[in-house]
Amino acid sequence: MDEAGIAQAALVQASTCYGHDNRYVADSAAARPDRFIGV
């Protein structure tokens, strides 16, 4: 994101990797709420 000049992003659950276990999206969004929201 920094390289591209993107201010913020939505992290969308990778269901084809984790199904409905959304913990990595949740933990990532919580770690940087200034840059991420989680879906």
PDB file of all heavy atoms in Angstrom:
ATOM      1  N   MET A   1       0.826  -1.200   0.000  1.00  0.00           N
ATOM      2  CA  MET A   1       0.000   0.000   0.000  1.00  0.00           C
ATOM      3  C   MET A   1       0.861   1.250   0.000  1.00  0.00           C
ATOM      4  O   MET A   1       0.571   2.224  -0.715  1.00  0.00           O
ATOM      5  CB  MET A   1      -0.930  -0.010   1.209  1.00  0.00           C
ATOM      6  CG  MET A   1      -2.040  -1.051   1.126  1.00  0.00           C
ATOM      7  SD  MET A   1      -2.881  -1.322   2.717  1.00  0.00           S
ATOM      8  CE  MET A   1      -3.564   0.313   3.052  1.00  0.00           C
ATOM      9  N   ASP A   2       1.902   1.245   0.807  1.00  0.00           N
ATOM     10  CA  ASP A   2       2.792   2.403   0.866  1.00  0.00           C
ATOM     11  C   ASP A   2       3.467   2.636  -0.486  1.00  0.00           C
ATOM     12  O   ASP A   2       3.579   3.780  -0.949  1.00  0.00           O
ATOM     13  CB  ASP A   2       3.842   2.208   1.954  1.00  0.00           C
ATOM     14  CG  ASP A   2       3.260   2.308   3.357  1.00  0.00           C
ATOM     15  OD1 ASP A   2       2.139   2.832   3.502  1.00  0.00           O
ATOM     16  OD2 ASP A   2       3.925   1.835   4.312  1.00  0.00           O
ATOM     17  N   GLU A   3       3.890   1.552  -1.123  1.00  0.00           N
ATOM     18  CA  GLU A   3       4.534   1.679  -2.435  1.00  0.00           C
ATOM     19  C   GLU A   3       3.570   2.255  -3.465  1.00  0.00           C
ATOM     20  O   GLU A   3       3.947   3.082  -4.314  1.00  0.00           O
ATOM     21  CB  GLU A   3       5.035   0.312  -2.904  1.00  0.00           C
ATOM     22  CG  GLU A   3       5.657   0.338  -4.292  1.00  0.00           C
ATOM     23  CD  GLU A   3       5.908  -1.052  -4.859  1.00  0.00           C
ATOM     24  OE1 GLU A   3       5.412  -2.042  -4.296  1.00  0.00           O
ATOM     25  OE2 GLU A   3       6.590  -1.130  -5.904  1.00  0.00           O
ATOM     26  N   ALA A   4       2.306   1.828  -3.379  1.00  0.00           N
ATOM     27  CA  ALA A   4       1.315   2.256  -4.367  1.00  0.00           C
ATOM     28  C   ALA A   4       0.695   3.611  -4.050  1.00  0.00           C
ATOM     29  O   ALA A   4       0.040   4.206  -4.908  1.00  0.00           O
ATOM     30  CB  ALA A   4       0.212   1.199  -4.465  1.00  0.00           C
ATOM     31  N   GLY A   5       0.863   4.099  -2.821  1.00  0.00           N
ATOM     32  CA  GLY A   5       0.225   5.344  -2.425  1.00  0.00           C
ATOM     33  C   GLY A   5      -1.237   5.173  -2.059  1.00  0.00           C
ATOM     34  O   GLY A   5      -2.058   6.063  -2.295  1.00  0.00           O
ATOM     35  N   ILE A   6      -1.565   4.022  -1.478  1.00  0.00           N
ATOM     36  CA  ILE A   6      -2.937   3.719  -1.076  1.00  0.00           C
ATOM     37  C   ILE A   6      -3.093   4.011   0.410  1.00  0.00           C
ATOM     38  O   ILE A   6      -2.339   3.501   1.244  1.00  0.00           O
ATOM     39  CB  ILE A   6      -3.283   2.251  -1.392  1.00  0.00           C
ATOM     40  CG1 ILE A   6      -3.302   2.060  -2.916  1.00  0.00           C
ATOM     41  CG2 ILE A   6      -4.610   1.838  -0.771  1.00  0.00           C
ATOM     42  CD1 ILE A   6      -3.460   0.623  -3.357  1.00  0.00           C
ATOM     43  N   ALA A   7      -4.056   4.842   0.738  1.00  0.00           N
ATOM     44  CA  ALA A   7      -4.208   5.305   2.114  1.00  0.00           C
ATOM     45  C   ALA A   7      -4.746   4.221   3.035  1.00  0.00           C
ATOM     46  O   ALA A   7      -4.229   4.006   4.138  1.00  0.00           O
ATOM     47  CB  ALA A   7      -5.143   6.522   2.149  1.00  0.00           C
ATOM     48  N   GLN A   8      -5.801   3.535   2.612  1.00  0.00           N
ATOM     49  CA  GLN A   8      -6.475   2.557   3.455  1.00  0.00           C
ATOM     50  C   GLN A   8      -6.994   1.412   2.590  1.00  0.00           C
ATOM     51  O   GLN A   8      -7.132   1.551   1.372  1.00  0.00           O
ATOM     52  CB  GLN A   8      -7.648   3.206   4.202  1.00  0.00           C
ATOM     53  CG  GLN A   8      -7.214   4.271   5.205  1.00  0.00           C
ATOM     54  CD  GLN A   8      -8.405   5.088   5.678  1.00  0.00           C
ATOM     55  OE1 GLN A   8      -8.957   5.877   4.929  1.00  0.00           O
ATOM     56  NE2 GLN A   8      -8.810   4.886   6.929  1.00  0.00           N
ATOM     57  N   ALA A   9      -7.301   0.296   3.253  1.00  0.00           N
ATOM     58  CA  ALA A   9      -7.793  -0.861   2.510  1.00  0.00           C
ATOM     59  C   ALA A   9      -8.764  -1.663   3.356  1.00  0.00           C
ATOM     60  O   ALA A   9      -8.670  -1.689   4.588  1.00  0.00           O
ATOM     61  CB  ALA A   9      -6.629  -1.754   2.067  1.00  0.00           C
ATOM     62  N   ALA A  10      -9.674  -2.326   2.669  1.00  0.00           N
ATOM     63  CA  ALA A  10     -10.533  -3.323   3.306  1.00  0.00           C
ATOM     64  C   ALA A  10      -9.879  -4.678   3.132  1.00  0.00           C
ATOM     65  O   ALA A  10      -9.535  -5.074   2.009  1.00  0.00           O
ATOM     66  CB  ALA A  10     -11.921  -3.323   2.674  1.00  0.00           C
ATOM     67  N   LEU A  11      -9.680  -5.376   4.249  1.00  0.00           N
ATOM     68  CA  LEU A  11      -9.186  -6.742   4.216  1.00  0.00           C
ATOM     69  C   LEU A  11     -10.403  -7.654   4.153  1.00  0.00           C
ATOM     70  O   LEU A  11     -11.168  -7.733   5.114  1.00  0.00           O
ATOM     71  CB  LEU A  11      -8.346  -7.046   5.459  1.00  0.00           C
ATOM     72  CG  LEU A  11      -7.162  -6.118   5.722  1.00  0.00           C
ATOM     73  CD1 LEU A  11      -6.448  -6.525   7.006  1.00  0.00           C
ATOM     74  CD2 LEU A  11      -6.198  -6.104   4.535  1.00  0.00           C
ATOM     75  N   VAL A  12     -10.575  -8.308   3.035  1.00  0.00           N
ATOM     76  CA  VAL A  12     -11.740  -9.163   2.815  1.00  0.00           C
ATOM     77  C   VAL A  12     -11.341 -10.611   3.094  1.00  0.00           C
ATOM     78  O   VAL A  12     -10.318 -11.095   2.584  1.00  0.00           O
ATOM     79  CB  VAL A  12     -12.257  -9.011   1.373  1.00  0.00           C
ATOM     80  CG1 VAL A  12     -13.435  -9.941   1.121  1.00  0.00           C
ATOM     81  CG2 VAL A  12     -12.649  -7.567   1.099  1.00  0.00           C
ATOM     82  N   GLN A  13     -12.128 -11.291   3.903  1.00  0.00           N
ATOM     83  CA  GLN A  13     -11.826 -12.663   4.268  1.00  0.00           C
ATOM     84  C   GLN A  13     -11.534 -13.529   3.043  1.00  0.00           C
ATOM     85  O   GLN A  13     -12.305 -13.552   2.084  1.00  0.00           O
ATOM     86  CB  GLN A  13     -12.993 -13.263   5.055  1.00  0.00           C
ATOM     87  CG  GLN A  13     -12.919 -14.751   5.300  1.00  0.00           C
ATOM     88  CD  GLN A  13     -11.836 -15.149   6.301  1.00  0.00           C
ATOM     89  OE1 GLN A  13     -11.063 -14.306   6.751  1.00  0.00           O
ATOM     90  NE2 GLN A  13     -11.801 -16.420   6.659  1.00  0.00           N
ATOM     91  N   ALA A  14     -10.410 -14.232   3.096  1.00  0.00           N
ATOM     92  CA  ALA A  14     -10.037 -15.157   2.028  1.00  0.00           C
ATOM     93  C   ALA A  14     -10.707 -16.496   2.300  1.00  0.00           C
ATOM     94  O   ALA A  14     -10.116 -17.409   2.889  1.00  0.00           O
ATOM     95  CB  ALA A  14      -8.523 -15.312   1.960  1.00  0.00           C
ATOM     96  N   SER A  15     -11.951 -16.620   1.877  1.00  0.00           N
ATOM     97  CA  SER A  15     -12.729 -17.815   2.198  1.00  0.00           C
ATOM     98  C   SER A  15     -12.190 -19.058   1.523  1.00  0.00           C
ATOM     99  O   SER A  15     -12.414 -20.172   1.996  1.00  0.00           O
ATOM    100  CB  SER A  15     -14.191 -17.599   1.800  1.00  0.00           C
ATOM    101  OG  SER A  15     -14.746 -16.536   2.541  1.00  0.00           O
ATOM    102  N   THR A  16     -11.469 -18.890   0.406  1.00  0.00           N
ATOM    103  CA  THR A  16     -10.869 -20.042  -0.245  1.00  0.00           C
ATOM    104  C   THR A  16      -9.553 -20.449   0.407  1.00  0.00           C
ATOM    105  O   THR A  16      -8.847 -21.310  -0.098  1.00  0.00           O
ATOM    106  CB  THR A  16     -10.629 -19.765  -1.742  1.00  0.00           C
ATOM    107  OG1 THR A  16      -9.801 -18.608  -1.872  1.00  0.00           O
ATOM    108  CG2 THR A  16     -11.944 -19.534  -2.464  1.00  0.00           C
ATOM    109  N   CYS A  17      -9.263 -19.836   1.534  1.00  0.00           N
ATOM    110  CA  CYS A  17      -8.088 -20.194   2.323  1.00  0.00           C
ATOM    111  C   CYS A  17      -8.488 -20.553   3.753  1.00  0.00           C
ATOM    112  O   CYS A  17      -8.046 -21.566   4.291  1.00  0.00           O
ATOM    113  CB  CYS A  17      -7.088 -19.039   2.328  1.00  0.00           C
ATOM    114  SG  CYS A  17      -5.448 -19.468   2.958  1.00  0.00           S
ATOM    115  N   TYR A  18      -9.361 -19.731   4.346  1.00  0.00           N
ATOM    116  CA  TYR A  18      -9.728 -19.897   5.758  1.00  0.00           C
ATOM    117  C   TYR A  18     -11.206 -20.184   6.000  1.00  0.00           C
ATOM    118  O   TYR A  18     -11.618 -20.252   7.160  1.00  0.00           O
ATOM    119  CB  TYR A  18      -9.349 -18.631   6.537  1.00  0.00           C
ATOM    120  CG  TYR A  18      -7.881 -18.320   6.525  1.00  0.00           C
ATOM    121  CD1 TYR A  18      -7.405 -17.151   5.936  1.00  0.00           C
ATOM    122  CD2 TYR A  18      -6.960 -19.196   7.087  1.00  0.00           C
ATOM    123  CE1 TYR A  18      -6.052 -16.858   5.926  1.00  0.00           C
ATOM    124  CE2 TYR A  18      -5.598 -18.910   7.062  1.00  0.00           C
ATOM    125  CZ  TYR A  18      -5.156 -17.742   6.479  1.00  0.00           C
ATOM    126  OH  TYR A  18      -3.816 -17.458   6.464  1.00  0.00           O
ATOM    127  N   GLY A  19     -11.995 -20.328   4.958  1.00  0.00           N
ATOM    128  CA  GLY A  19     -13.420 -20.546   5.182  1.00  0.00           C
ATOM    129  C   GLY A  19     -14.021 -19.400   5.972  1.00  0.00           C
ATOM    130  O   GLY A  19     -13.854 -18.226   5.622  1.00  0.00           O
ATOM    131  N   HIS A  20     -14.700 -19.735   7.074  1.00  0.00           N
ATOM    132  CA  HIS A  20     -15.348 -18.709   7.889  1.00  0.00           C
ATOM    133  C   HIS A  20     -14.592 -18.434   9.187  1.00  0.00           C
ATOM    134  O   HIS A  20     -15.151 -17.822  10.104  1.00  0.00           O
ATOM    135  CB  HIS A  20     -16.789 -19.115   8.196  1.00  0.00           C
ATOM    136  CG  HIS A  20     -17.607 -19.364   6.971  1.00  0.00           C
ATOM    137  ND1 HIS A  20     -17.650 -18.477   5.908  1.00  0.00           N
ATOM    138  CD2 HIS A  20     -18.414 -20.410   6.622  1.00  0.00           C
ATOM    139  CE1 HIS A  20     -18.439 -18.973   4.969  1.00  0.00           C
ATOM    140  NE2 HIS A  20     -18.911 -20.124   5.372  1.00  0.00           N
ATOM    141  N   ASP A  21     -13.331 -18.856   9.244  1.00  0.00           N
ATOM    142  CA  ASP A  21     -12.472 -18.521  10.380  1.00  0.00           C
ATOM    143  C   ASP A  21     -11.797 -17.187  10.054  1.00  0.00           C
ATOM    144  O   ASP A  21     -10.792 -17.127   9.353  1.00  0.00           O
ATOM    145  CB  ASP A  21     -11.428 -19.614  10.603  1.00  0.00           C
ATOM    146  CG  ASP A  21     -10.484 -19.295  11.755  1.00  0.00           C
ATOM    147  OD1 ASP A  21     -10.626 -18.218  12.383  1.00  0.00           O
ATOM    148  OD2 ASP A  21      -9.587 -20.121  12.031  1.00  0.00           O
ATOM    149  N   ASN A  22     -12.364 -16.126  10.584  1.00  0.00           N
ATOM    150  CA  ASN A  22     -11.961 -14.759  10.215  1.00  0.00           C
ATOM    151  C   ASN A  22     -10.908 -14.155  11.143  1.00  0.00           C
ATOM    152  O   ASN A  22     -10.717 -12.941  11.137  1.00  0.00           O
ATOM    153  CB  ASN A  22     -13.202 -13.851  10.226  1.00  0.00           C
ATOM    154  CG  ASN A  22     -14.295 -14.336   9.301  1.00  0.00           C
ATOM    155  OD1 ASN A  22     -14.246 -14.135   8.098  1.00  0.00           O
ATOM    156  ND2 ASN A  22     -15.317 -14.986   9.869  1.00  0.00           N
ATOM    157  N   ARG A  23     -10.226 -14.973  11.900  1.00  0.00           N
ATOM    158  CA  ARG A  23      -9.354 -14.418  12.944  1.00  0.00           C
ATOM    159  C   ARG A  23      -8.188 -13.617  12.377  1.00  0.00           C
ATOM    160  O   ARG A  23      -7.795 -12.595  12.965  1.00  0.00           O
ATOM    161  CB  ARG A  23      -8.828 -15.545  13.840  1.00  0.00           C
ATOM    162  CG  ARG A  23      -9.912 -16.144  14.749  1.00  0.00           C
ATOM    163  CD  ARG A  23      -9.358 -17.282  15.604  1.00  0.00           C
ATOM    164  NE  ARG A  23      -8.861 -18.361  14.769  1.00  0.00           N
ATOM    165  CZ  ARG A  23      -7.605 -18.818  14.807  1.00  0.00           C
ATOM    166  NH1 ARG A  23      -6.724 -18.267  15.619  1.00  0.00           N
ATOM    167  NH2 ARG A  23      -7.227 -19.814  14.026  1.00  0.00           N
ATOM    168  N   TYR A  24      -7.625 -14.025  11.248  1.00  0.00           N
ATOM    169  CA  TYR A  24      -6.475 -13.267  10.742  1.00  0.00           C
ATOM    170  C   TYR A  24      -6.907 -11.898  10.229  1.00  0.00           C
ATOM    171  O   TYR A  24      -6.213 -10.902  10.443  1.00  0.00           O
ATOM    172  CB  TYR A  24      -5.739 -14.040   9.656  1.00  0.00           C
ATOM    173  CG  TYR A  24      -4.408 -13.404   9.294  1.00  0.00           C
ATOM    174  CD1 TYR A  24      -3.444 -13.155  10.276  1.00  0.00           C
ATOM    175  CD2 TYR A  24      -4.125 -13.023   7.987  1.00  0.00           C
ATOM    176  CE1 TYR A  24      -2.236 -12.550   9.965  1.00  0.00           C
ATOM    177  CE2 TYR A  24      -2.906 -12.426   7.658  1.00  0.00           C
ATOM    178  CZ  TYR A  24      -1.977 -12.184   8.653  1.00  0.00           C
ATOM    179  OH  TYR A  24      -0.770 -11.582   8.348  1.00  0.00           O
ATOM    180  N   VAL A  25      -8.038 -11.832   9.566  1.00  0.00           N
ATOM    181  CA  VAL A  25      -8.575 -10.532   9.159  1.00  0.00           C
ATOM    182  C   VAL A  25      -8.847  -9.669  10.386  1.00  0.00           C
ATOM    183  O   VAL A  25      -8.493  -8.480  10.434  1.00  0.00           O
ATOM    184  CB  VAL A  25      -9.858 -10.712   8.317  1.00  0.00           C
ATOM    185  CG1 VAL A  25     -10.683  -9.432   8.300  1.00  0.00           C
ATOM    186  CG2 VAL A  25      -9.508 -11.109   6.898  1.00  0.00           C
ATOM    187  N   ALA A  26      -9.472 -10.264  11.401  1.00  0.00           N
ATOM    188  CA  ALA A  26      -9.801  -9.499  12.613  1.00  0.00           C
ATOM    189  C   ALA A  26      -8.539  -9.009  13.309  1.00  0.00           C
ATOM    190  O   ALA A  26      -8.461  -7.837  13.720  1.00  0.00           O
ATOM    191  CB  ALA A  26     -10.627 -10.365  13.561  1.00  0.00           C
ATOM    192  N   ASP A  27      -7.554  -9.881  13.446  1.00  0.00           N
ATOM    193  CA  ASP A  27      -6.316  -9.493  14.129  1.00  0.00           C
ATOM    194  C   ASP A  27      -5.555  -8.437  13.328  1.00  0.00           C
ATOM    195  O   ASP A  27      -4.953  -7.516  13.905  1.00  0.00           O
ATOM    196  CB  ASP A  27      -5.434 -10.719  14.353  1.00  0.00           C
ATOM    197  CG  ASP A  27      -6.022 -11.693  15.365  1.00  0.00           C
ATOM    198  OD1 ASP A  27      -6.988 -11.327  16.062  1.00  0.00           O
ATOM    199  OD2 ASP A  27      -5.526 -12.837  15.449  1.00  0.00           O
ATOM    200  N   SER A  28      -5.573  -8.560  12.011  1.00  0.00           N
ATOM    201  CA  SER A  28      -4.862  -7.594  11.170  1.00  0.00           C
ATOM    202  C   SER A  28      -5.520  -6.230  11.209  1.00  0.00           C
ATOM    203  O   SER A  28      -4.840  -5.193  11.315  1.00  0.00           O
ATOM    204  CB  SER A  28      -4.801  -8.110   9.730  1.00  0.00           C
ATOM    205  OG  SER A  28      -4.077  -9.321   9.651  1.00  0.00           O
ATOM    206  N   ALA A  29      -6.847  -6.205  11.160  1.00  0.00           N
ATOM    207  CA  ALA A  29      -7.555  -4.931  11.224  1.00  0.00           C
ATOM    208  C   ALA A  29      -7.364  -4.276  12.585  1.00  0.00           C
ATOM    209  O   ALA A  29      -7.211  -3.047  12.688  1.00  0.00           O
ATOM    210  CB  ALA A  29      -9.038  -5.139  10.933  1.00  0.00           C
ATOM    211  N   ALA A  30      -7.353  -5.084  13.642  1.00  0.00           N
ATOM    212  CA  ALA A  30      -7.164  -4.536  14.983  1.00  0.00           C
ATOM    213  C   ALA A  30      -5.752  -3.993  15.171  1.00  0.00           C
ATOM    214  O   ALA A  30      -5.547  -3.027  15.921  1.00  0.00           O
ATOM    215  CB  ALA A  30      -7.447  -5.620  16.025  1.00  0.00           C
ATOM    216  N   ALA A  31      -4.780  -4.592  14.479  1.00  0.00           N
ATOM    217  CA  ALA A  31      -3.394  -4.151  14.616  1.00  0.00           C
ATOM    218  C   ALA A  31      -3.153  -2.789  13.981  1.00  0.00           C
ATOM    219  O   ALA A  31      -2.325  -2.010  14.465  1.00  0.00           O
ATOM    220  CB  ALA A  31      -2.450  -5.185  13.991  1.00  0.00           C
ATOM    221  N   ARG A  32      -3.891  -2.479  12.893  1.00  0.00           N
ATOM    222  CA  ARG A  32      -3.701  -1.192  12.211  1.00  0.00           C
ATOM    223  C   ARG A  32      -5.045  -0.596  11.812  1.00  0.00           C
ATOM    224  O   ARG A  32      -5.384  -0.508  10.637  1.00  0.00           O
ATOM    225  CB  ARG A  32      -2.809  -1.370  10.971  1.00  0.00           C
ATOM    226  CG  ARG A  32      -1.361  -1.671  11.265  1.00  0.00           C
ATOM    227  CD  ARG A  32      -0.664  -0.556  12.058  1.00  0.00           C
ATOM    228  NE  ARG A  32      -0.749   0.741  11.437  1.00  0.00           N
ATOM    229  CZ  ARG A  32       0.181   1.235  10.616  1.00  0.00           C
ATOM    230  NH1 ARG A  32       1.253   0.508  10.311  1.00  0.00           N
ATOM    231  NH2 ARG A  32       0.048   2.447  10.110  1.00  0.00           N
ATOM    232  N   PRO A  33      -5.828  -0.178  12.779  1.00  0.00           N
ATOM    233  CA  PRO A  33      -7.144   0.385  12.454  1.00  0.00           C
ATOM    234  C   PRO A  33      -7.074   1.682  11.665  1.00  0.00           C
ATOM    235  O   PRO A  33      -8.080   2.099  11.072  1.00  0.00           O
ATOM    236  CB  PRO A  33      -7.783   0.589  13.830  1.00  0.00           C
ATOM    237  CG  PRO A  33      -6.627   0.713  14.773  1.00  0.00           C
ATOM    238  CD  PRO A  33      -5.576  -0.202  14.226  1.00  0.00           C
ATOM    239  N   ASP A  34      -5.908   2.325  11.657  1.00  0.00           N
ATOM    240  CA  ASP A  34      -5.741   3.534  10.864  1.00  0.00           C
ATOM    241  C   ASP A  34      -5.622   3.238   9.370  1.00  0.00           C
ATOM    242  O   ASP A  34      -5.876   4.106   8.537  1.00  0.00           O
ATOM    243  CB  ASP A  34      -4.507   4.304  11.320  1.00  0.00           C
ATOM    244  CG  ASP A  34      -3.235   3.466  11.229  1.00  0.00           C
ATOM    245  OD1 ASP A  34      -3.284   2.253  11.526  1.00  0.00           O
ATOM    246  OD2 ASP A  34      -2.176   4.024  10.873  1.00  0.00           O
ATOM    247  N   ARG A  35      -5.275   1.986   9.035  1.00  0.00           N
ATOM    248  CA  ARG A  35      -5.070   1.624   7.632  1.00  0.00           C
ATOM    249  C   ARG A  35      -6.061   0.588   7.112  1.00  0.00           C
ATOM    250  O   ARG A  35      -6.304   0.526   5.908  1.00  0.00           O
ATOM    251  CB  ARG A  35      -3.651   1.069   7.431  1.00  0.00           C
ATOM    252  CG  ARG A  35      -2.516   1.981   7.848  1.00  0.00           C
ATOM    253  CD  ARG A  35      -2.425   3.268   7.055  1.00  0.00           C
ATOM    254  NE  ARG A  35      -2.194   3.078   5.633  1.00  0.00           N
ATOM    255  CZ  ARG A  35      -0.993   2.861   5.077  1.00  0.00           C
ATOM    256  NH1 ARG A  35       0.087   2.785   5.845  1.00  0.00           N
ATOM    257  NH2 ARG A  35      -0.864   2.737   3.763  1.00  0.00           N
ATOM    258  N   PHE A  36      -6.594  -0.240   8.027  1.00  0.00           N
ATOM    259  CA  PHE A  36      -7.425  -1.358   7.603  1.00  0.00           C
ATOM    260  C   PHE A  36      -8.817  -1.322   8.227  1.00  0.00           C
ATOM    261  O   PHE A  36      -8.978  -0.901   9.377  1.00  0.00           O
ATOM    262  CB  PHE A  36      -6.801  -2.692   8.021  1.00  0.00           C
ATOM    263  CG  PHE A  36      -5.475  -3.021   7.402  1.00  0.00           C
ATOM    264  CD1 PHE A  36      -4.460  -3.570   8.182  1.00  0.00           C
ATOM    265  CD2 PHE A  36      -5.238  -2.812   6.051  1.00  0.00           C
ATOM    266  CE1 PHE A  36      -3.235  -3.906   7.625  1.00  0.00           C
ATOM    267  CE2 PHE A  36      -4.013  -3.137   5.484  1.00  0.00           C
ATOM    268  CZ  PHE A  36      -3.005  -3.686   6.276  1.00  0.00           C
ATOM    269  N   ILE A  37      -9.794  -1.808   7.469  1.00  0.00           N
ATOM    270  CA  ILE A  37     -11.033  -2.303   8.050  1.00  0.00           C
ATOM    271  C   ILE A  37     -11.158  -3.765   7.632  1.00  0.00           C
ATOM    272  O   ILE A  37     -10.547  -4.194   6.644  1.00  0.00           O
ATOM    273  CB  ILE A  37     -12.277  -1.513   7.597  1.00  0.00           C
ATOM    274  CG1 ILE A  37     -12.448  -1.586   6.074  1.00  0.00           C
ATOM    275  CG2 ILE A  37     -12.223  -0.081   8.078  1.00  0.00           C
ATOM    276  CD1 ILE A  37     -13.795  -1.085   5.594  1.00  0.00           C
ATOM    277  N   GLY A  38     -11.922  -4.539   8.386  1.00  0.00           N
ATOM    278  CA  GLY A  38     -12.043  -5.954   8.103  1.00  0.00           C
ATOM    279  C   GLY A  38     -13.440  -6.345   7.661  1.00  0.00           C
ATOM    280  O   GLY A  38     -14.441  -5.824   8.170  1.00  0.00           O
ATOM    281  N   VAL A  39     -13.497  -7.279   6.706  1.00  0.00           N
ATOM    282  CA  VAL A  39     -14.756  -7.820   6.197  1.00  0.00           C
ATOM    283  C   VAL A  39     -14.727  -9.329   6.404  1.00  0.00           C
ATOM    284  O   VAL A  39     -13.874 -10.019   5.835  1.00  0.00           O
ATOM    285  CB  VAL A  39     -14.955  -7.482   4.706  1.00  0.00           C
ATOM    286  CG1 VAL A  39     -16.227  -8.132   4.165  1.00  0.00           C
ATOM    287  CG2 VAL A  39     -14.987  -5.970   4.504  1.00  0.00           C
TER     288      VAL A  39
END
